[in-house]
Amino acid sequence: MQKRWYDLDPTVSTAVNLMEKADEKIQLECAYYIIDKAKNYGIKITESDLSEAFNYIFRRWYDKNKQLHDAFEYLKLAPHDVQLGIAFDIIDKLQEHSET
């Protein structure tokens, strides 16, 4: 059975699963955070790559919104240590929101 890219690491998988269950407003906050962090680490994705992938793959839960889709494309292309750092930050952010 083939795993999804984010299931390869339990921390990244947890962050993605928590985001899926979060309110759409919180999902978007997390998406902007992921994109910002990934860009700060020098991860580059061309707009045409994002547009083509978004138009072609519209079956995952995060494909319902282009911002979410783009965020996960950045996260997917990030090195493992960057993915982990972002995942921990997302988990913390989502836990903060669930406590309020």
C-alpha atoms as a PDB file:
ATOM      1  CA  MET A   1       0.000   0.000   0.000  1.00  0.00           C
ATOM      2  CA  GLN A   2       1.406   3.362  -1.017  1.00  0.00           C
ATOM      3  CA  LYS A   3       1.497   5.989   1.706  1.00  0.00           C
ATOM      4  CA  ARG A   4       0.701   9.623   1.203  1.00  0.00           C
ATOM      5  CA  TRP A   5       3.782  11.858   1.272  1.00  0.00           C
ATOM      6  CA  TYR A   6       2.889  13.252   4.702  1.00  0.00           C
ATOM      7  CA  ASP A   7       2.324   9.805   6.222  1.00  0.00           C
ATOM      8  CA  LEU A   8       6.033   9.040   5.932  1.00  0.00           C
ATOM      9  CA  ASP A   9       6.631  10.953   9.177  1.00  0.00           C
ATOM     10  CA  PRO A  10       4.249  10.695  12.150  1.00  0.00           C
ATOM     11  CA  THR A  11       4.711  14.326  13.189  1.00  0.00           C
ATOM     12  CA  VAL A  12       3.989  15.691   9.715  1.00  0.00           C
ATOM     13  CA  SER A  13       1.037  13.318   9.431  1.00  0.00           C
ATOM     14  CA  THR A  14      -0.344  14.540  12.763  1.00  0.00           C
ATOM     15  CA  ALA A  15      -0.048  18.172  11.691  1.00  0.00           C
ATOM     16  CA  VAL A  16      -1.854  17.515   8.400  1.00  0.00           C
ATOM     17  CA  ASN A  17      -4.598  15.506  10.115  1.00  0.00           C
ATOM     18  CA  LEU A  18      -5.136  18.214  12.738  1.00  0.00           C
ATOM     19  CA  MET A  19      -5.326  20.836  10.019  1.00  0.00           C
ATOM     20  CA  GLU A  20      -7.939  18.783   8.193  1.00  0.00           C
ATOM     21  CA  LYS A  21     -10.164  18.829  11.293  1.00  0.00           C
ATOM     22  CA  ALA A  22      -9.638  22.537  11.981  1.00  0.00           C
ATOM     23  CA  ASP A  23     -11.984  25.361  11.093  1.00  0.00           C
ATOM     24  CA  GLU A  24     -11.426  26.748   7.589  1.00  0.00           C
ATOM     25  CA  LYS A  25     -10.206  30.091   8.960  1.00  0.00           C
ATOM     26  CA  ILE A  26      -7.547  28.312  11.036  1.00  0.00           C
ATOM     27  CA  GLN A  27      -6.622  26.122   8.057  1.00  0.00           C
ATOM     28  CA  LEU A  28      -5.930  29.254   6.024  1.00  0.00           C
ATOM     29  CA  GLU A  29      -3.860  30.808   8.825  1.00  0.00           C
ATOM     30  CA  CYS A  30      -1.776  27.636   8.897  1.00  0.00           C
ATOM     31  CA  ALA A  31      -1.495  27.617   5.096  1.00  0.00           C
ATOM     32  CA  TYR A  32      -0.118  31.167   5.045  1.00  0.00           C
ATOM     33  CA  TYR A  33       2.309  30.201   7.810  1.00  0.00           C
ATOM     34  CA  ILE A  34       3.525  27.123   5.903  1.00  0.00           C
ATOM     35  CA  ILE A  35       4.080  29.099   2.714  1.00  0.00           C
ATOM     36  CA  ASP A  36       5.889  31.882   4.539  1.00  0.00           C
ATOM     37  CA  LYS A  37       8.161  29.482   6.435  1.00  0.00           C
ATOM     38  CA  ALA A  38       8.919  27.419   3.332  1.00  0.00           C
ATOM     39  CA  LYS A  39       9.831  30.523   1.356  1.00  0.00           C
ATOM     40  CA  ASN A  40      12.063  31.676   4.230  1.00  0.00           C
ATOM     41  CA  TYR A  41      13.928  28.375   3.910  1.00  0.00           C
ATOM     42  CA  GLY A  42      14.434  29.026   0.204  1.00  0.00           C
ATOM     43  CA  ILE A  43      11.896  26.561  -1.135  1.00  0.00           C
ATOM     44  CA  LYS A  44      10.766  27.717  -4.551  1.00  0.00           C
ATOM     45  CA  ILE A  45       7.810  26.601  -6.588  1.00  0.00           C
ATOM     46  CA  THR A  46       6.767  28.283  -9.808  1.00  0.00           C
ATOM     47  CA  GLU A  47       3.215  29.562 -10.210  1.00  0.00           C
ATOM     48  CA  SER A  48       2.763  27.429 -13.318  1.00  0.00           C
ATOM     49  CA  ASP A  49       3.725  24.315 -11.330  1.00  0.00           C
ATOM     50  CA  LEU A  50       1.186  25.179  -8.654  1.00  0.00           C
ATOM     51  CA  SER A  51      -1.553  26.006 -11.148  1.00  0.00           C
ATOM     52  CA  GLU A  52      -1.041  22.826 -13.145  1.00  0.00           C
ATOM     53  CA  ALA A  53      -1.033  20.644 -10.039  1.00  0.00           C
ATOM     54  CA  PHE A  54      -4.083  22.416  -8.613  1.00  0.00           C
ATOM     55  CA  ASN A  55      -6.095  21.988 -11.808  1.00  0.00           C
ATOM     56  CA  TYR A  56      -5.051  18.386 -12.266  1.00  0.00           C
ATOM     57  CA  ILE A  57      -5.391  17.024  -8.734  1.00  0.00           C
ATOM     58  CA  PHE A  58      -8.644  18.047  -7.133  1.00  0.00           C
ATOM     59  CA  ARG A  59      -9.381  14.987  -5.040  1.00  0.00           C
ATOM     60  CA  ARG A  60      -7.608  15.611  -1.743  1.00  0.00           C
ATOM     61  CA  TRP A  61      -9.271  17.457   1.130  1.00  0.00           C
ATOM     62  CA  TYR A  62      -6.821  20.348   0.891  1.00  0.00           C
ATOM     63  CA  ASP A  63      -7.444  20.847  -2.833  1.00  0.00           C
ATOM     64  CA  LYS A  64     -10.727  22.596  -2.032  1.00  0.00           C
ATOM     65  CA  ASN A  65      -8.803  25.819  -1.566  1.00  0.00           C
ATOM     66  CA  LYS A  66      -5.859  26.972  -3.678  1.00  0.00           C
ATOM     67  CA  GLN A  67      -4.065  28.478  -0.672  1.00  0.00           C
ATOM     68  CA  LEU A  68      -4.221  25.155   1.210  1.00  0.00           C
ATOM     69  CA  HIS A  69      -3.126  23.274  -1.870  1.00  0.00           C
ATOM     70  CA  ASP A  70      -0.165  25.594  -2.421  1.00  0.00           C
ATOM     71  CA  ALA A  71       0.861  25.343   1.233  1.00  0.00           C
ATOM     72  CA  PHE A  72       1.005  21.570   1.079  1.00  0.00           C
ATOM     73  CA  GLU A  73       2.946  21.666  -2.175  1.00  0.00           C
ATOM     74  CA  TYR A  74       5.561  23.820  -0.431  1.00  0.00           C
ATOM     75  CA  LEU A  75       5.582  21.536   2.588  1.00  0.00           C
ATOM     76  CA  LYS A  76       5.871  18.447   0.403  1.00  0.00           C
ATOM     77  CA  LEU A  77       8.968  19.849  -1.335  1.00  0.00           C
ATOM     78  CA  ALA A  78      10.649  20.974   1.889  1.00  0.00           C
ATOM     79  CA  PRO A  79      13.553  18.953   3.281  1.00  0.00           C
ATOM     80  CA  HIS A  80      12.546  16.585   6.069  1.00  0.00           C
ATOM     81  CA  ASP A  81      13.980  18.723   8.874  1.00  0.00           C
ATOM     82  CA  VAL A  82      12.071  21.771   7.590  1.00  0.00           C
ATOM     83  CA  GLN A  83       8.879  19.706   7.299  1.00  0.00           C
ATOM     84  CA  LEU A  84       9.311  18.636  10.920  1.00  0.00           C
ATOM     85  CA  GLY A  85       9.911  22.167  12.178  1.00  0.00           C
ATOM     86  CA  ILE A  86       6.848  23.478  10.360  1.00  0.00           C
ATOM     87  CA  ALA A  87       4.775  20.492  11.527  1.00  0.00           C
ATOM     88  CA  PHE A  88       5.654  21.136  15.188  1.00  0.00           C
ATOM     89  CA  ASP A  89       4.750  24.818  14.760  1.00  0.00           C
ATOM     90  CA  ILE A  90       1.422  23.920  13.124  1.00  0.00           C
ATOM     91  CA  ILE A  91       0.584  21.443  15.893  1.00  0.00           C
ATOM     92  CA  ASP A  92       1.325  24.115  18.520  1.00  0.00           C
ATOM     93  CA  LYS A  93      -0.767  26.689  16.644  1.00  0.00           C
ATOM     94  CA  LEU A  94      -3.715  24.299  16.335  1.00  0.00           C
ATOM     95  CA  GLN A  95      -3.512  23.339  20.000  1.00  0.00           C
ATOM     96  CA  GLU A  96      -3.552  27.024  20.979  1.00  0.00           C
ATOM     97  CA  HIS A  97      -6.712  27.548  18.925  1.00  0.00           C
ATOM     98  CA  SER A  98      -8.405  24.491  20.410  1.00  0.00           C
ATOM     99  CA  GLU A  99      -7.782  25.809  23.916  1.00  0.00           C
ATOM    100  CA  THR A 100      -9.530  29.116  23.273  1.00  0.00           C
END
